[in-house]
């Protein structure tokens, strides 16, 4: 997760350097020649917003990967037939294989909801991020119906972390560490 923070720091540094160069009428990178400081700020604000959305998509994709890998591991576990979750995972996996289809994320969330009813709120909060995920992954050419007015990378990480805290038998998600601008801070 540190790359996200490093890029934000680099963007802030570039904006500051270019702003200082414009003020001092010094050497300004060609792309910024003729821009005012407000235009430079607007440019970097846009870059920051885009990076935030890309990071949101990456974190949602990482959460899906953890759920998909967990599902496949459960479907392959013959030794734990007495575990109802594993048994249902095996049935779903075989049904999908017969049809040569992949198991959708929504199906995995429903499977977990059935077997971990106490995780319903966390699952629903995660489901709420899926409109943003679909909107980002498919080019954002429509107005998304989001569950919240604003999502950012921290919130997506916190929602995903809460999901995995409620699904304790799922492994692979970072243990609540979110790195922000070079310092470690615990989330959720």
Protein backbone atom coordinates (compact mmCIF):
# COMPACT_ATOMS: atom_id res chain seq x y z
CA UNK A 1 0.00 0.00 0.00
CA UNK A 2 3.01 2.27 0.35
CA UNK A 3 3.27 3.01 -3.38
CA UNK A 4 0.01 4.95 -3.11
CA UNK A 5 1.46 7.19 -0.41
CA UNK A 6 4.77 7.62 -2.25
CA UNK A 7 2.94 8.80 -5.36
CA UNK A 8 0.83 11.25 -3.33
CA UNK A 9 4.00 12.65 -1.75
CA UNK A 10 5.67 12.94 -5.17
CA UNK A 11 2.62 14.76 -6.57
CA UNK A 12 2.61 17.20 -3.65
CA UNK A 13 6.34 17.81 -4.04
CA UNK A 14 6.02 18.41 -7.79
CA UNK A 15 3.11 20.79 -7.26
CA UNK A 16 5.09 22.73 -4.65
CA UNK A 17 8.22 22.86 -6.85
CA UNK A 18 6.31 23.98 -9.93
CA UNK A 19 4.39 26.55 -7.88
CA UNK A 20 7.65 27.96 -6.55
CA UNK A 21 9.13 28.05 -10.07
CA UNK A 22 6.09 29.93 -11.38
CA UNK A 23 6.29 32.44 -8.50
CA UNK A 24 10.01 33.00 -9.05
CA UNK A 25 9.57 33.04 -12.83
CA UNK A 26 12.16 30.27 -12.94
CA UNK A 27 12.43 27.10 -15.00
CA UNK A 28 9.00 25.52 -15.36
CA UNK A 29 8.44 22.12 -17.01
CA UNK A 30 7.12 22.60 -20.53
CA UNK A 31 3.69 21.12 -19.75
CA UNK A 32 3.11 23.86 -17.15
CA UNK A 33 4.38 26.89 -19.12
CA UNK A 34 1.70 29.53 -19.21
CA UNK A 35 -0.27 28.08 -16.30
CA UNK A 36 -1.14 30.10 -13.26
CA UNK A 37 -0.55 28.68 -9.78
CA UNK A 38 -4.30 28.01 -9.54
CA UNK A 39 -4.19 26.05 -12.80
CA UNK A 40 -1.22 24.02 -11.54
CA UNK A 41 -3.10 23.34 -8.29
CA UNK A 42 -6.16 22.27 -10.26
CA UNK A 43 -3.99 19.96 -12.39
CA UNK A 44 -2.51 18.26 -9.33
CA UNK A 45 -5.88 18.10 -7.56
CA UNK A 46 -7.19 16.20 -10.59
CA UNK A 47 -4.17 13.86 -10.53
CA UNK A 48 -4.72 13.27 -6.81
CA UNK A 49 -8.42 12.47 -7.35
CA UNK A 50 -7.59 10.06 -10.17
CA UNK A 51 -4.95 8.30 -8.08
CA UNK A 52 -7.46 8.00 -5.24
CA UNK A 53 -9.97 6.27 -7.53
CA UNK A 54 -7.34 3.96 -9.01
CA UNK A 55 -6.30 3.01 -5.48
CA UNK A 56 -9.94 2.34 -4.54
CA UNK A 57 -10.29 -0.01 -7.50
CA UNK A 58 -7.03 -1.77 -6.65
CA UNK A 59 -8.13 -2.33 -3.04
CA UNK A 60 -11.54 -3.65 -4.06
CA UNK A 61 -9.89 -5.98 -6.58
CA UNK A 62 -7.48 -7.19 -3.87
CA UNK A 63 -10.41 -7.90 -1.53
CA UNK A 64 -12.15 -9.87 -4.28
CA UNK A 65 -8.97 -11.85 -4.93
CA UNK A 66 -8.76 -12.80 -1.24
CA UNK A 67 -12.38 -14.00 -1.30
CA UNK A 68 -11.91 -15.91 -4.57
CA UNK A 69 -8.74 -17.64 -3.34
CA UNK A 70 -10.42 -18.54 -0.05
CA UNK A 71 -13.39 -19.97 -1.97
CA UNK A 72 -11.16 -22.11 -4.16
CA UNK A 73 -9.24 -23.38 -1.15
CA UNK A 74 -12.51 -24.32 0.56
CA UNK A 75 -13.80 -26.04 -2.56
CA UNK A 76 -10.60 -28.11 -2.70
CA UNK A 77 -10.65 -29.13 1.00
CA UNK A 78 -11.96 -32.69 1.03
CA UNK A 79 -10.85 -33.17 4.65
CA UNK A 80 -13.37 -30.73 6.11
CA UNK A 81 -16.62 -32.10 4.70
CA UNK A 82 -18.25 -31.55 8.10
CA UNK A 83 -17.83 -27.79 7.70
CA UNK A 84 -21.11 -26.57 6.11
CA UNK A 85 -19.39 -23.57 4.51
CA UNK A 86 -16.81 -25.78 2.81
CA UNK A 87 -19.49 -28.27 1.72
CA UNK A 88 -21.54 -25.47 0.12
CA UNK A 89 -18.39 -24.01 -1.47
CA UNK A 90 -17.66 -27.39 -3.02
CA UNK A 91 -21.20 -27.71 -4.40
CA UNK A 92 -21.08 -24.18 -5.87
CA UNK A 93 -17.60 -24.73 -7.31
CA UNK A 94 -18.62 -27.98 -9.06
CA UNK A 95 -21.80 -26.37 -10.44
CA UNK A 96 -19.77 -23.51 -11.88
CA UNK A 97 -17.17 -25.88 -13.33
CA UNK A 98 -19.86 -27.91 -15.10
CA UNK A 99 -21.14 -24.75 -16.77
CA UNK A 100 -17.59 -23.52 -17.42
CA UNK A 101 -18.36 -20.30 -15.56
CA UNK A 102 -16.50 -18.50 -12.85
CA UNK A 103 -17.98 -17.82 -9.46
CA UNK A 104 -19.09 -14.21 -9.18
CA UNK A 105 -18.16 -12.06 -6.21
CA UNK A 106 -21.84 -11.58 -5.36
CA UNK A 107 -22.24 -15.36 -5.07
CA UNK A 108 -19.33 -15.51 -2.65
CA UNK A 109 -20.82 -12.75 -0.52
CA UNK A 110 -24.17 -14.58 -0.45
CA UNK A 111 -22.39 -17.80 0.56
CA UNK A 112 -20.71 -16.01 3.44
CA UNK A 113 -23.93 -14.28 4.46
CA UNK A 114 -25.61 -17.66 4.74
CA UNK A 115 -22.88 -19.11 6.95
CA UNK A 116 -21.84 -16.00 8.93
CA UNK A 117 -25.06 -14.10 9.66
CA UNK A 118 -23.26 -11.94 12.24
CA UNK A 119 -21.19 -10.57 9.34
CA UNK A 120 -24.22 -9.23 7.48
CA UNK A 121 -23.53 -5.56 8.19
CA UNK A 122 -19.90 -5.81 7.05
CA UNK A 123 -20.94 -7.77 3.96
CA UNK A 124 -23.59 -5.16 3.12
CA UNK A 125 -21.10 -2.32 3.58
CA UNK A 126 -18.71 -4.13 1.21
CA UNK A 127 -21.54 -4.74 -1.25
CA UNK A 128 -22.12 -0.99 -1.21
CA UNK A 129 -18.65 -0.47 -2.69
CA UNK A 130 -19.40 -2.69 -5.67
CA UNK A 131 -21.23 0.05 -7.60
CA UNK A 132 -18.05 2.12 -7.41
CA UNK A 133 -15.98 -0.91 -8.42
CA UNK A 134 -18.15 -1.60 -11.48
CA UNK A 135 -18.21 2.07 -12.42
CA UNK A 136 -14.40 2.33 -12.25
CA UNK A 137 -13.72 -1.01 -13.92
CA UNK A 138 -16.00 -0.27 -16.86
CA UNK A 139 -14.85 3.23 -17.66
CA UNK A 140 -17.26 5.32 -15.62
CA UNK A 141 -19.43 6.35 -18.53
CA UNK A 142 -22.62 6.50 -16.42
CA UNK A 143 -23.56 8.12 -13.12
CA UNK A 144 -23.04 5.46 -10.45
CA UNK A 145 -25.62 4.82 -7.72
CA UNK A 146 -23.26 4.79 -4.77
CA UNK A 147 -24.18 3.64 -1.26
CA UNK A 148 -22.26 6.62 0.17
CA UNK A 149 -21.72 10.15 -1.10
CA UNK A 150 -17.92 9.81 -1.08
CA UNK A 151 -15.48 6.92 -1.10
CA UNK A 152 -11.73 7.18 -0.74
CA UNK A 153 -8.91 4.67 -0.47
CA UNK A 154 -8.91 4.76 3.34
CA UNK A 155 -12.66 4.08 3.56
CA UNK A 156 -12.44 1.22 1.05
CA UNK A 157 -9.60 -0.29 3.08
CA UNK A 158 -11.57 0.10 6.32
CA UNK A 159 -14.72 -1.48 4.84
CA UNK A 160 -12.68 -4.38 3.43
CA UNK A 161 -10.82 -4.83 6.72
CA UNK A 162 -14.12 -4.89 8.62
CA UNK A 163 -15.38 -7.54 6.20
CA UNK A 164 -12.36 -9.77 6.80
CA UNK A 165 -12.54 -9.25 10.55
CA UNK A 166 -16.09 -10.63 10.43
CA UNK A 167 -15.01 -13.55 8.25
CA UNK A 168 -12.20 -14.70 10.54
CA UNK A 169 -11.51 -17.91 8.68
CA UNK A 170 -10.47 -15.99 5.55
CA UNK A 171 -6.74 -15.38 5.26
CA UNK A 172 -4.76 -13.03 3.07
CA UNK A 173 -5.93 -9.51 3.96
CA UNK A 174 -3.42 -7.20 5.70
CA UNK A 175 -3.96 -7.02 9.45
CA UNK A 176 -5.53 -3.58 9.63
CA UNK A 177 -2.46 -1.64 8.50
CA UNK A 178 -3.09 1.31 6.24
CA UNK A 179 -0.06 3.35 5.27
CA UNK A 180 -0.67 7.04 4.91
CA UNK A 181 1.95 9.51 3.81
CA UNK A 182 4.86 7.55 5.16
CA UNK A 183 3.53 6.64 8.59
CA UNK A 184 1.84 3.47 9.72
CA UNK A 185 -1.61 3.96 11.20
CA UNK A 186 -3.95 1.24 12.38
CA UNK A 187 -7.35 1.24 10.76
CA UNK A 188 -10.61 -0.32 11.86
